Structures are given as structure tokens and as C-alpha cells.
Amino acid sequence: MNKELLKGTLNIILLLVLSKRTTYGYELASTIDKLSNSTITLKESSLYTALLRLEQQGYIKSSWSETLSYPRRKYYEITPLGSEYLTTNLSDYLNINSLINNLINLEEDQ
């Protein structure tokens, strides 16, 4: 997938997954990979940079697993501010998606 396109949508993608459940980084990346039919395969550096940025913005929070077994995992969950951001901005992404679909169909109709 085009890196610039992914960069512009990664926040929404991560927040959408986290709005469904609290999860850790590897599982988050695996879920996105699976749901995208391997179209979006996140590199560790991209994933954790985005998660850190979202946490600094207050959209997600993290906590370490309380289990004594290894490996310890850092879990991420969406915050109320993140849910608000998602609600506010998701309609913009859906509108863009609709526009692109309309333009594709327009081209096919001509």
C-alpha cells in the first residue's frame, strides 16, 4: 500500500480497532493485516510510532499486563477523547471514500 495514503489513515484505522477491544501491539498489527487481506502490513516502527503519537495526543492509553508470565505485553485502549476524535473524523473518511467510489463509477459510466 502507498505509504503516504496509509500515513493519512493510520490513526483512524488504529482507533477503529481499539474502539472494538483493548489489545497489544502485535495483535493489533495482526488484526489489521488479516482484515485487509495483507494489503496493510504494518512495520513495528510505524505501528509503535503511531501508537506513541496517539497516546501523547490523549486518544489512547497504555498499560502493562499484570501477569507474571513472559512476555509482558503493553495493552492499548481508546480513551473518551479518542472515541470523540473517531466519531468526529470518521464521517470525513467515509465521505472521501464515497467520493472516490462515485468518481470510479463516473469513469466507468462514460
PDB file of N, CA and C in Angstrom:
ATOM      1  N   MET A   1       0.845  -1.180   0.000  1.00  0.00           N
ATOM      2  CA  MET A   1       0.000   0.000   0.000  1.00  0.00           C
ATOM      3  C   MET A   1       0.885   1.236   0.000  1.00  0.00           C
ATOM      4  N   ASN A   2       0.413   2.263  -0.634  1.00  0.00           N
ATOM      5  CA  ASN A   2       1.106   3.538  -0.703  1.00  0.00           C
ATOM      6  C   ASN A   2       1.330   4.081   0.709  1.00  0.00           C
ATOM      7  N   LYS A   3       2.587   4.380   1.045  1.00  0.00           N
ATOM      8  CA  LYS A   3       2.932   4.831   2.391  1.00  0.00           C
ATOM      9  C   LYS A   3       2.247   6.134   2.762  1.00  0.00           C
ATOM     10  N   GLU A   4       2.141   7.060   1.826  1.00  0.00           N
ATOM     11  CA  GLU A   4       1.505   8.353   2.109  1.00  0.00           C
ATOM     12  C   GLU A   4       0.010   8.187   2.379  1.00  0.00           C
ATOM     13  N   LEU A   5      -0.627   7.308   1.633  1.00  0.00           N
ATOM     14  CA  LEU A   5      -2.045   7.043   1.837  1.00  0.00           C
ATOM     15  C   LEU A   5      -2.269   6.406   3.211  1.00  0.00           C
ATOM     16  N   LEU A   6      -1.435   5.449   3.554  1.00  0.00           N
ATOM     17  CA  LEU A   6      -1.536   4.788   4.851  1.00  0.00           C
ATOM     18  C   LEU A   6      -1.283   5.776   5.983  1.00  0.00           C
ATOM     19  N   LYS A   7      -0.304   6.628   5.809  1.00  0.00           N
ATOM     20  CA  LYS A   7       0.043   7.620   6.832  1.00  0.00           C
ATOM     21  C   LYS A   7      -1.160   8.501   7.162  1.00  0.00           C
ATOM     22  N   GLY A   8      -1.942   8.841   6.162  1.00  0.00           N
ATOM     23  CA  GLY A   8      -3.102   9.700   6.362  1.00  0.00           C
ATOM     24  C   GLY A   8      -4.295   9.006   6.993  1.00  0.00           C
ATOM     25  N   THR A   9      -4.303   7.686   7.010  1.00  0.00           N
ATOM     26  CA  THR A   9      -5.444   6.952   7.540  1.00  0.00           C
ATOM     27  C   THR A   9      -5.100   6.066   8.741  1.00  0.00           C
ATOM     28  N   LEU A  10      -3.849   5.990   9.099  1.00  0.00           N
ATOM     29  CA  LEU A  10      -3.421   5.069  10.154  1.00  0.00           C
ATOM     30  C   LEU A  10      -4.085   5.373  11.492  1.00  0.00           C
ATOM     31  N   ASN A  11      -4.202   6.637  11.852  1.00  0.00           N
ATOM     32  CA  ASN A  11      -4.847   6.981  13.128  1.00  0.00           C
ATOM     33  C   ASN A  11      -6.258   6.421  13.198  1.00  0.00           C
ATOM     34  N   ILE A  12      -7.029   6.639  12.138  1.00  0.00           N
ATOM     35  CA  ILE A  12      -8.413   6.158  12.115  1.00  0.00           C
ATOM     36  C   ILE A  12      -8.453   4.635  12.173  1.00  0.00           C
ATOM     37  N   ILE A  13      -7.575   3.973  11.421  1.00  0.00           N
ATOM     38  CA  ILE A  13      -7.538   2.507  11.412  1.00  0.00           C
ATOM     39  C   ILE A  13      -7.250   1.979  12.813  1.00  0.00           C
ATOM     40  N   LEU A  14      -6.233   2.524  13.469  1.00  0.00           N
ATOM     41  CA  LEU A  14      -5.867   2.067  14.814  1.00  0.00           C
ATOM     42  C   LEU A  14      -6.988   2.340  15.809  1.00  0.00           C
ATOM     43  N   LEU A  15      -7.574   3.521  15.743  1.00  0.00           N
ATOM     44  CA  LEU A  15      -8.650   3.858  16.673  1.00  0.00           C
ATOM     45  C   LEU A  15      -9.890   2.997  16.436  1.00  0.00           C
ATOM     46  N   LEU A  16     -10.166   2.672  15.184  1.00  0.00           N
ATOM     47  CA  LEU A  16     -11.308   1.790  14.898  1.00  0.00           C
ATOM     48  C   LEU A  16     -11.116   0.414  15.539  1.00  0.00           C
ATOM     49  N   VAL A  17      -9.925  -0.150  15.390  1.00  0.00           N
ATOM     50  CA  VAL A  17      -9.661  -1.460  16.002  1.00  0.00           C
ATOM     51  C   VAL A  17      -9.739  -1.353  17.521  1.00  0.00           C
ATOM     52  N   LEU A  18      -9.128  -0.311  18.080  1.00  0.00           N
ATOM     53  CA  LEU A  18      -9.125  -0.153  19.533  1.00  0.00           C
ATOM     54  C   LEU A  18     -10.504   0.200  20.083  1.00  0.00           C
ATOM     55  N   SER A  19     -11.387   0.721  19.253  1.00  0.00           N
ATOM     56  CA  SER A  19     -12.747   1.001  19.718  1.00  0.00           C
ATOM     57  C   SER A  19     -13.529  -0.295  19.926  1.00  0.00           C
ATOM     58  N   LYS A  20     -13.049  -1.378  19.323  1.00  0.00           N
ATOM     59  CA  LYS A  20     -13.720  -2.679  19.460  1.00  0.00           C
ATOM     60  C   LYS A  20     -13.200  -3.472  20.651  1.00  0.00           C
ATOM     61  N   ARG A  21     -11.889  -3.311  20.949  1.00  0.00           N
ATOM     62  CA  ARG A  21     -11.316  -4.044  22.087  1.00  0.00           C
ATOM     63  C   ARG A  21      -9.933  -3.509  22.437  1.00  0.00           C
ATOM     64  N   THR A  22      -9.576  -3.703  23.689  1.00  0.00           N
ATOM     65  CA  THR A  22      -8.232  -3.396  24.163  1.00  0.00           C
ATOM     66  C   THR A  22      -7.321  -4.507  23.673  1.00  0.00           C
ATOM     67  N   THR A  23      -6.148  -4.142  23.179  1.00  0.00           N
ATOM     68  CA  THR A  23      -5.252  -5.151  22.628  1.00  0.00           C
ATOM     69  C   THR A  23      -3.802  -4.689  22.716  1.00  0.00           C
ATOM     70  N   TYR A  24      -2.887  -5.569  22.408  1.00  0.00           N
ATOM     71  CA  TYR A  24      -1.459  -5.243  22.419  1.00  0.00           C
ATOM     72  C   TYR A  24      -0.964  -5.094  20.982  1.00  0.00           C
ATOM     73  N   GLY A  25       0.234  -4.544  20.828  1.00  0.00           N
ATOM     74  CA  GLY A  25       0.752  -4.157  19.524  1.00  0.00           C
ATOM     75  C   GLY A  25       0.749  -5.247  18.467  1.00  0.00           C
ATOM     76  N   TYR A  26       1.285  -6.412  18.791  1.00  0.00           N
ATOM     77  CA  TYR A  26       1.371  -7.484  17.803  1.00  0.00           C
ATOM     78  C   TYR A  26      -0.020  -7.911  17.349  1.00  0.00           C
ATOM     79  N   GLU A  27      -0.941  -8.056  18.299  1.00  0.00           N
ATOM     80  CA  GLU A  27      -2.299  -8.456  17.956  1.00  0.00           C
ATOM     81  C   GLU A  27      -2.998  -7.375  17.126  1.00  0.00           C
ATOM     82  N   LEU A  28      -2.719  -6.133  17.425  1.00  0.00           N
ATOM     83  CA  LEU A  28      -3.274  -5.006  16.667  1.00  0.00           C
ATOM     84  C   LEU A  28      -2.813  -5.071  15.214  1.00  0.00           C
ATOM     85  N   ALA A  29      -1.507  -5.243  15.024  1.00  0.00           N
ATOM     86  CA  ALA A  29      -0.952  -5.342  13.667  1.00  0.00           C
ATOM     87  C   ALA A  29      -1.499  -6.568  12.935  1.00  0.00           C
ATOM     88  N   SER A  30      -1.622  -7.688  13.639  1.00  0.00           N
ATOM     89  CA  SER A  30      -2.145  -8.921  13.035  1.00  0.00           C
ATOM     90  C   SER A  30      -3.601  -8.762  12.617  1.00  0.00           C
ATOM     91  N   THR A  31      -4.392  -8.084  13.444  1.00  0.00           N
ATOM     92  CA  THR A  31      -5.798  -7.847  13.121  1.00  0.00           C
ATOM     93  C   THR A  31      -5.922  -7.013  11.858  1.00  0.00           C
ATOM     94  N   ILE A  32      -5.133  -5.959  11.768  1.00  0.00           N
ATOM     95  CA  ILE A  32      -5.173  -5.086  10.586  1.00  0.00           C
ATOM     96  C   ILE A  32      -4.719  -5.847   9.349  1.00  0.00           C
ATOM     97  N   ASP A  33      -3.665  -6.639   9.493  1.00  0.00           N
ATOM     98  CA  ASP A  33      -3.172  -7.451   8.379  1.00  0.00           C
ATOM     99  C   ASP A  33      -4.260  -8.415   7.890  1.00  0.00           C
ATOM    100  N   LYS A  34      -4.908  -9.073   8.828  1.00  0.00           N
ATOM    101  CA  LYS A  34      -5.944 -10.052   8.488  1.00  0.00           C
ATOM    102  C   LYS A  34      -7.154  -9.377   7.838  1.00  0.00           C
ATOM    103  N   LEU A  35      -7.642  -8.299   8.442  1.00  0.00           N
ATOM    104  CA  LEU A  35      -8.829  -7.626   7.923  1.00  0.00           C
ATOM    105  C   LEU A  35      -8.599  -6.967   6.565  1.00  0.00           C
ATOM    106  N   SER A  36      -7.332  -6.633   6.278  1.00  0.00           N
ATOM    107  CA  SER A  36      -7.012  -6.002   4.992  1.00  0.00           C
ATOM    108  C   SER A  36      -6.540  -7.016   3.949  1.00  0.00           C
ATOM    109  N   ASN A  37      -6.657  -8.303   4.267  1.00  0.00           N
ATOM    110  CA  ASN A  37      -6.154  -9.360   3.375  1.00  0.00           C
ATOM    111  C   ASN A  37      -4.692  -9.121   3.022  1.00  0.00           C
ATOM    112  N   SER A  38      -3.920  -8.744   4.020  1.00  0.00           N
ATOM    113  CA  SER A  38      -2.474  -8.483   3.921  1.00  0.00           C
ATOM    114  C   SER A  38      -2.125  -7.297   3.025  1.00  0.00           C
ATOM    115  N   THR A  39      -3.109  -6.442   2.754  1.00  0.00           N
ATOM    116  CA  THR A  39      -2.838  -5.218   1.994  1.00  0.00           C
ATOM    117  C   THR A  39      -2.092  -4.218   2.873  1.00  0.00           C
ATOM    118  N   ILE A  40      -2.431  -4.207   4.162  1.00  0.00           N
ATOM    119  CA  ILE A  40      -1.770  -3.317   5.106  1.00  0.00           C
ATOM    120  C   ILE A  40      -1.006  -4.167   6.108  1.00  0.00           C
ATOM    121  N   THR A  41       0.298  -4.183   5.946  1.00  0.00           N
ATOM    122  CA  THR A  41       1.183  -4.879   6.866  1.00  0.00           C
ATOM    123  C   THR A  41       2.057  -3.821   7.524  1.00  0.00           C
ATOM    124  N   LEU A  42       1.796  -3.578   8.788  1.00  0.00           N
ATOM    125  CA  LEU A  42       2.496  -2.509   9.493  1.00  0.00           C
ATOM    126  C   LEU A  42       3.867  -2.963   9.972  1.00  0.00           C
ATOM    127  N   LYS A  43       4.858  -2.133   9.729  1.00  0.00           N
ATOM    128  CA  LYS A  43       6.174  -2.367  10.298  1.00  0.00           C
ATOM    129  C   LYS A  43       6.110  -1.979  11.764  1.00  0.00           C
ATOM    130  N   GLU A  44       6.896  -2.662  12.585  1.00  0.00           N
ATOM    131  CA  GLU A  44       6.911  -2.373  14.015  1.00  0.00           C
ATOM    132  C   GLU A  44       7.163  -0.893  14.291  1.00  0.00           C
ATOM    133  N   SER A  45       8.126  -0.334  13.596  1.00  0.00           N
ATOM    134  CA  SER A  45       8.473   1.074  13.847  1.00  0.00           C
ATOM    135  C   SER A  45       7.300   1.999  13.524  1.00  0.00           C
ATOM    136  N   SER A  46       6.583   1.746  12.449  1.00  0.00           N
ATOM    137  CA  SER A  46       5.429   2.564  12.083  1.00  0.00           C
ATOM    138  C   SER A  46       4.308   2.414  13.106  1.00  0.00           C
ATOM    139  N   LEU A  47       4.056   1.185  13.506  1.00  0.00           N
ATOM    140  CA  LEU A  47       2.987   0.914  14.453  1.00  0.00           C
ATOM    141  C   LEU A  47       3.249   1.614  15.783  1.00  0.00           C
ATOM    142  N   TYR A  48       4.432   1.389  16.348  1.00  0.00           N
ATOM    143  CA  TYR A  48       4.699   1.929  17.681  1.00  0.00           C
ATOM    144  C   TYR A  48       4.896   3.441  17.676  1.00  0.00           C
ATOM    145  N   THR A  49       5.348   3.993  16.566  1.00  0.00           N
ATOM    146  CA  THR A  49       5.426   5.455  16.442  1.00  0.00           C
ATOM    147  C   THR A  49       4.015   6.038  16.442  1.00  0.00           C
ATOM    148  N   ALA A  50       3.113   5.414  15.698  1.00  0.00           N
ATOM    149  CA  ALA A  50       1.724   5.881  15.644  1.00  0.00           C
ATOM    150  C   ALA A  50       1.042   5.723  17.004  1.00  0.00           C
ATOM    151  N   LEU A  51       1.274   4.605  17.677  1.00  0.00           N
ATOM    152  CA  LEU A  51       0.670   4.391  18.992  1.00  0.00           C
ATOM    153  C   LEU A  51       1.186   5.417  20.004  1.00  0.00           C
ATOM    154  N   LEU A  52       2.467   5.701  19.968  1.00  0.00           N
ATOM    155  CA  LEU A  52       3.043   6.710  20.862  1.00  0.00           C
ATOM    156  C   LEU A  52       2.423   8.075  20.589  1.00  0.00           C
ATOM    157  N   ARG A  53       2.289   8.425  19.316  1.00  0.00           N
ATOM    158  CA  ARG A  53       1.697   9.709  18.938  1.00  0.00           C
ATOM    159  C   ARG A  53       0.242   9.800  19.429  1.00  0.00           C
ATOM    160  N   LEU A  54      -0.529   8.741  19.231  1.00  0.00           N
ATOM    161  CA  LEU A  54      -1.923   8.728  19.677  1.00  0.00           C
ATOM    162  C   LEU A  54      -2.014   8.834  21.199  1.00  0.00           C
ATOM    163  N   GLU A  55      -1.067   8.209  21.882  1.00  0.00           N
ATOM    164  CA  GLU A  55      -1.064   8.282  23.344  1.00  0.00           C
ATOM    165  C   GLU A  55      -0.700   9.693  23.809  1.00  0.00           C
ATOM    166  N   GLN A  56       0.269  10.311  23.170  1.00  0.00           N
ATOM    167  CA  GLN A  56       0.656  11.676  23.527  1.00  0.00           C
ATOM    168  C   GLN A  56      -0.483  12.661  23.264  1.00  0.00           C
ATOM    169  N   GLN A  57      -1.310  12.376  22.271  1.00  0.00           N
ATOM    170  CA  GLN A  57      -2.450  13.234  21.960  1.00  0.00           C
ATOM    171  C   GLN A  57      -3.645  12.966  22.881  1.00  0.00           C
ATOM    172  N   GLY A  58      -3.550  11.915  23.689  1.00  0.00           N
ATOM    173  CA  GLY A  58      -4.623  11.584  24.623  1.00  0.00           C
ATOM    174  C   GLY A  58      -5.733  10.739  24.033  1.00  0.00           C
ATOM    175  N   TYR A  59      -5.525  10.205  22.825  1.00  0.00           N
ATOM    176  CA  TYR A  59      -6.556   9.414  22.157  1.00  0.00           C
ATOM    177  C   TYR A  59      -6.564   7.953  22.602  1.00  0.00           C
ATOM    178  N   ILE A  60      -5.442   7.474  23.102  1.00  0.00           N
ATOM    179  CA  ILE A  60      -5.352   6.114  23.630  1.00  0.00           C
ATOM    180  C   ILE A  60      -4.536   6.165  24.919  1.00  0.00           C
ATOM    181  N   LYS A  61      -4.636   5.100  25.705  1.00  0.00           N
ATOM    182  CA  LYS A  61      -3.763   4.962  26.872  1.00  0.00           C
ATOM    183  C   LYS A  61      -3.233   3.538  26.881  1.00  0.00           C
ATOM    184  N   SER A  62      -2.094   3.366  27.509  1.00  0.00           N
ATOM    185  CA  SER A  62      -1.464   2.052  27.533  1.00  0.00           C
ATOM    186  C   SER A  62      -1.234   1.623  28.973  1.00  0.00           C
ATOM    187  N   SER A  63      -1.140   0.315  29.149  1.00  0.00           N
ATOM    188  CA  SER A  63      -0.802  -0.248  30.455  1.00  0.00           C
ATOM    189  C   SER A  63      -0.156  -1.606  30.234  1.00  0.00           C
ATOM    190  N   TRP A  64       0.748  -1.936  31.125  1.00  0.00           N
ATOM    191  CA  TRP A  64       1.435  -3.223  31.032  1.00  0.00           C
ATOM    192  C   TRP A  64       0.551  -4.312  31.618  1.00  0.00           C
ATOM    193  N   SER A  65       0.640  -5.501  31.048  1.00  0.00           N
ATOM    194  CA  SER A  65      -0.111  -6.639  31.569  1.00  0.00           C
ATOM    195  C   SER A  65       0.327  -6.897  32.998  1.00  0.00           C
ATOM    196  N   GLU A  66      -0.602  -7.369  33.796  1.00  0.00           N
ATOM    197  CA  GLU A  66      -0.295  -7.620  35.202  1.00  0.00           C
ATOM    198  C   GLU A  66       0.166  -9.045  35.447  1.00  0.00           C
ATOM    199  N   THR A  67       0.205  -9.842  34.422  1.00  0.00           N
ATOM    200  CA  THR A  67       0.613 -11.234  34.569  1.00  0.00           C
ATOM    201  C   THR A  67       2.111 -11.333  34.815  1.00  0.00           C
ATOM    202  N   LEU A  68       2.502 -12.354  35.520  1.00  0.00           N
ATOM    203  CA  LEU A  68       3.925 -12.571  35.782  1.00  0.00           C
ATOM    204  C   LEU A  68       4.586 -13.397  34.694  1.00  0.00           C
ATOM    205  N   SER A  69       3.789 -13.918  33.776  1.00  0.00           N
ATOM    206  CA  SER A  69       4.363 -14.719  32.698  1.00  0.00           C
ATOM    207  C   SER A  69       5.015 -13.811  31.660  1.00  0.00           C
ATOM    208  N   TYR A  70       5.869 -14.401  30.887  1.00  0.00           N
ATOM    209  CA  TYR A  70       6.570 -13.642  29.840  1.00  0.00           C
ATOM    210  C   TYR A  70       6.074 -14.089  28.494  1.00  0.00           C
ATOM    211  N   PRO A  71       6.069 -13.268  27.498  1.00  0.00           N
ATOM    212  CA  PRO A  71       6.493 -11.875  27.562  1.00  0.00           C
ATOM    213  C   PRO A  71       5.395 -10.993  28.151  1.00  0.00           C
ATOM    214  N   ARG A  72       5.809  -9.968  28.859  1.00  0.00           N
ATOM    215  CA  ARG A  72       4.846  -8.965  29.317  1.00  0.00           C
ATOM    216  C   ARG A  72       4.380  -8.205  28.094  1.00  0.00           C
ATOM    217  N   ARG A  73       3.146  -7.806  28.119  1.00  0.00           N
ATOM    218  CA  ARG A  73       2.590  -7.095  26.968  1.00  0.00           C
ATOM    219  C   ARG A  73       2.071  -5.728  27.395  1.00  0.00           C
ATOM    220  N   LYS A  74       2.240  -4.786  26.490  1.00  0.00           N
ATOM    221  CA  LYS A  74       1.699  -3.453  26.704  1.00  0.00           C
ATOM    222  C   LYS A  74       0.378  -3.382  25.950  1.00  0.00           C
ATOM    223  N   TYR A  75      -0.695  -3.172  26.690  1.00  0.00           N
ATOM    224  CA  TYR A  75      -2.030  -3.115  26.101  1.00  0.00           C
ATOM    225  C   TYR A  75      -2.435  -1.672  25.845  1.00  0.00           C
ATOM    226  N   TYR A  76      -3.175  -1.487  24.767  1.00  0.00           N
ATOM    227  CA  TYR A  76      -3.642  -0.167  24.361  1.00  0.00           C
ATOM    228  C   TYR A  76      -5.157  -0.156  24.341  1.00  0.00           C
ATOM    229  N   GLU A  77      -5.730   0.965  24.797  1.00  0.00           N
ATOM    230  CA  GLU A  77      -7.184   1.128  24.734  1.00  0.00           C
ATOM    231  C   GLU A  77      -7.516   2.567  24.374  1.00  0.00           C
ATOM    232  N   ILE A  78      -8.648   2.720  23.726  1.00  0.00           N
ATOM    233  CA  ILE A  78      -9.088   4.037  23.308  1.00  0.00           C
ATOM    234  C   ILE A  78      -9.607   4.799  24.529  1.00  0.00           C
ATOM    235  N   THR A  79      -9.401   6.095  24.551  1.00  0.00           N
ATOM    236  CA  THR A  79      -9.887   6.951  25.633  1.00  0.00           C
ATOM    237  C   THR A  79     -11.186   7.636  25.185  1.00  0.00           C
ATOM    238  N   PRO A  80     -11.892   8.267  26.106  1.00  0.00           N
ATOM    239  CA  PRO A  80     -13.074   9.038  25.685  1.00  0.00           C
ATOM    240  C   PRO A  80     -12.723  10.109  24.647  1.00  0.00           C
ATOM    241  N   LEU A  81     -11.569  10.749  24.801  1.00  0.00           N
ATOM    242  CA  LEU A  81     -11.138  11.740  23.810  1.00  0.00           C
ATOM    243  C   LEU A  81     -10.893  11.079  22.457  1.00  0.00           C
ATOM    244  N   GLY A  82     -10.315   9.868  22.469  1.00  0.00           N
ATOM    245  CA  GLY A  82     -10.092   9.126  21.234  1.00  0.00           C
ATOM    246  C   GLY A  82     -11.392   8.723  20.573  1.00  0.00           C
ATOM    247  N   SER A  83     -12.372   8.339  21.372  1.00  0.00           N
ATOM    248  CA  SER A  83     -13.694   7.997  20.827  1.00  0.00           C
ATOM    249  C   SER A  83     -14.346   9.216  20.197  1.00  0.00           C
ATOM    250  N   GLU A  84     -14.182  10.358  20.839  1.00  0.00           N
ATOM    251  CA  GLU A  84     -14.721  11.605  20.297  1.00  0.00           C
ATOM    252  C   GLU A  84     -14.036  11.961  18.978  1.00  0.00           C
ATOM    253  N   TYR A  85     -12.710  11.823  18.943  1.00  0.00           N
ATOM    254  CA  TYR A  85     -11.948  12.086  17.717  1.00  0.00           C
ATOM    255  C   TYR A  85     -12.416  11.156  16.605  1.00  0.00           C
ATOM    256  N   LEU A  86     -12.583   9.890  16.940  1.00  0.00           N
ATOM    257  CA  LEU A  86     -13.015   8.899  15.954  1.00  0.00           C
ATOM    258  C   LEU A  86     -14.392   9.248  15.404  1.00  0.00           C
ATOM    259  N   THR A  87     -15.327   9.560  16.271  1.00  0.00           N
ATOM    260  CA  THR A  87     -16.679   9.919  15.843  1.00  0.00           C
ATOM    261  C   THR A  87     -16.667  11.150  14.950  1.00  0.00           C
ATOM    262  N   THR A  88     -15.902  12.145  15.346  1.00  0.00           N
ATOM    263  CA  THR A  88     -15.838  13.398  14.600  1.00  0.00           C
ATOM    264  C   THR A  88     -15.212  13.215  13.221  1.00  0.00           C
ATOM    265  N   ASN A  89     -14.145  12.435  13.146  1.00  0.00           N
ATOM    266  CA  ASN A  89     -13.379  12.337  11.902  1.00  0.00           C
ATOM    267  C   ASN A  89     -13.766  11.180  11.003  1.00  0.00           C
ATOM    268  N   LEU A  90     -14.440  10.180  11.531  1.00  0.00           N
ATOM    269  CA  LEU A  90     -14.815   9.029  10.714  1.00  0.00           C
ATOM    270  C   LEU A  90     -15.728   9.435   9.569  1.00  0.00           C
ATOM    271  N   SER A  91     -16.632  10.363   9.808  1.00  0.00           N
ATOM    272  CA  SER A  91     -17.533  10.793   8.733  1.00  0.00           C
ATOM    273  C   SER A  91     -16.757  11.430   7.585  1.00  0.00           C
ATOM    274  N   ASP A  92     -15.667  12.140   7.885  1.00  0.00           N
ATOM    275  CA  ASP A  92     -14.836  12.710   6.822  1.00  0.00           C
ATOM    276  C   ASP A  92     -14.220  11.611   5.960  1.00  0.00           C
ATOM    277  N   TYR A  93     -13.726  10.562   6.599  1.00  0.00           N
ATOM    278  CA  TYR A  93     -13.132   9.454   5.845  1.00  0.00           C
ATOM    279  C   TYR A  93     -14.189   8.731   5.019  1.00  0.00           C
ATOM    280  N   LEU A  94     -15.375   8.562   5.579  1.00  0.00           N
ATOM    281  CA  LEU A  94     -16.451   7.912   4.825  1.00  0.00           C
ATOM    282  C   LEU A  94     -16.891   8.763   3.646  1.00  0.00           C
ATOM    283  N   ASN A  95     -16.914  10.085   3.815  1.00  0.00           N
ATOM    284  CA  ASN A  95     -17.255  10.976   2.711  1.00  0.00           C
ATOM    285  C   ASN A  95     -16.210  10.912   1.594  1.00  0.00           C
ATOM    286  N   ILE A  96     -14.949  10.854   1.966  1.00  0.00           N
ATOM    287  CA  ILE A  96     -13.877  10.729   0.969  1.00  0.00           C
ATOM    288  C   ILE A  96     -14.005   9.401   0.232  1.00  0.00           C
ATOM    289  N   ASN A  97     -14.288   8.341   0.974  1.00  0.00           N
ATOM    290  CA  ASN A  97     -14.474   7.025   0.366  1.00  0.00           C
ATOM    291  C   ASN A  97     -15.639   7.046  -0.622  1.00  0.00           C
ATOM    292  N   SER A  98     -16.726   7.695  -0.238  1.00  0.00           N
ATOM    293  CA  SER A  98     -17.892   7.815  -1.117  1.00  0.00           C
ATOM    294  C   SER A  98     -17.548   8.602  -2.380  1.00  0.00           C
ATOM    295  N   LEU A  99     -16.807   9.690  -2.214  1.00  0.00           N
ATOM    296  CA  LEU A  99     -16.388  10.491  -3.369  1.00  0.00           C
ATOM    297  C   LEU A  99     -15.540   9.660  -4.332  1.00  0.00           C
ATOM    298  N   ILE A 100     -14.593   8.926  -3.812  1.00  0.00           N
ATOM    299  CA  ILE A 100     -13.727   8.097  -4.660  1.00  0.00           C
ATOM    300  C   ILE A 100     -14.559   7.054  -5.400  1.00  0.00           C
ATOM    301  N   ASN A 101     -15.484   6.409  -4.681  1.00  0.00           N
ATOM    302  CA  ASN A 101     -16.357   5.422  -5.343  1.00  0.00           C
ATOM    303  C   ASN A 101     -17.202   6.061  -6.434  1.00  0.00           C
ATOM    304  N   ASN A 102     -17.729   7.259  -6.168  1.00  0.00           N
ATOM    305  CA  ASN A 102     -18.519   7.966  -7.186  1.00  0.00           C
ATOM    306  C   ASN A 102     -17.672   8.306  -8.408  1.00  0.00           C
ATOM    307  N   LEU A 103     -16.437   8.738  -8.172  1.00  0.00           N
ATOM    308  CA  LEU A 103     -15.556   9.070  -9.292  1.00  0.00           C
ATOM    309  C   LEU A 103     -15.186   7.830 -10.098  1.00  0.00           C
ATOM    310  N   ILE A 104     -14.989   6.717  -9.444  1.00  0.00           N
ATOM    311  CA  ILE A 104     -14.694   5.461 -10.152  1.00  0.00           C
ATOM    312  C   ILE A 104     -15.888   5.067 -10.997  1.00  0.00           C
ATOM    313  N   ASN A 105     -17.082   5.145 -10.435  1.00  0.00           N
ATOM    314  CA  ASN A 105     -18.298   4.792 -11.167  1.00  0.00           C
ATOM    315  C   ASN A 105     -18.567   5.768 -12.306  1.00  0.00           C
ATOM    316  N   LEU A 106     -18.258   7.029 -12.107  1.00  0.00           N
ATOM    317  CA  LEU A 106     -18.423   8.031 -13.158  1.00  0.00           C
ATOM    318  C   LEU A 106     -17.549   7.691 -14.350  1.00  0.00           C
ATOM    319  N   GLU A 107     -16.312   7.295 -14.074  1.00  0.00           N
ATOM    320  CA  GLU A 107     -15.385   6.934 -15.134  1.00  0.00           C
ATOM    321  C   GLU A 107     -15.893   5.697 -15.895  1.00  0.00           C
ATOM    322  N   GLU A 108     -16.468   4.742 -15.184  1.00  0.00           N
ATOM    323  CA  GLU A 108     -16.982   3.518 -15.812  1.00  0.00           C
ATOM    324  C   GLU A 108     -18.226   3.801 -16.648  1.00  0.00           C
ATOM    325  N   ASP A 109     -19.027   4.789 -16.254  1.00  0.00           N
ATOM    326  CA  ASP A 109     -20.258   5.106 -16.982  1.00  0.00           C
ATOM    327  C   ASP A 109     -20.003   5.815 -18.303  1.00  0.00           C
ATOM    328  N   GLN A 110     -18.855   6.432 -18.445  1.00  0.00           N
ATOM    329  CA  GLN A 110     -18.579   7.208 -19.662  1.00  0.00           C
ATOM    330  C   GLN A 110     -18.029   6.356 -20.762  1.00  0.00           C
TER     331      GLN A 110
END
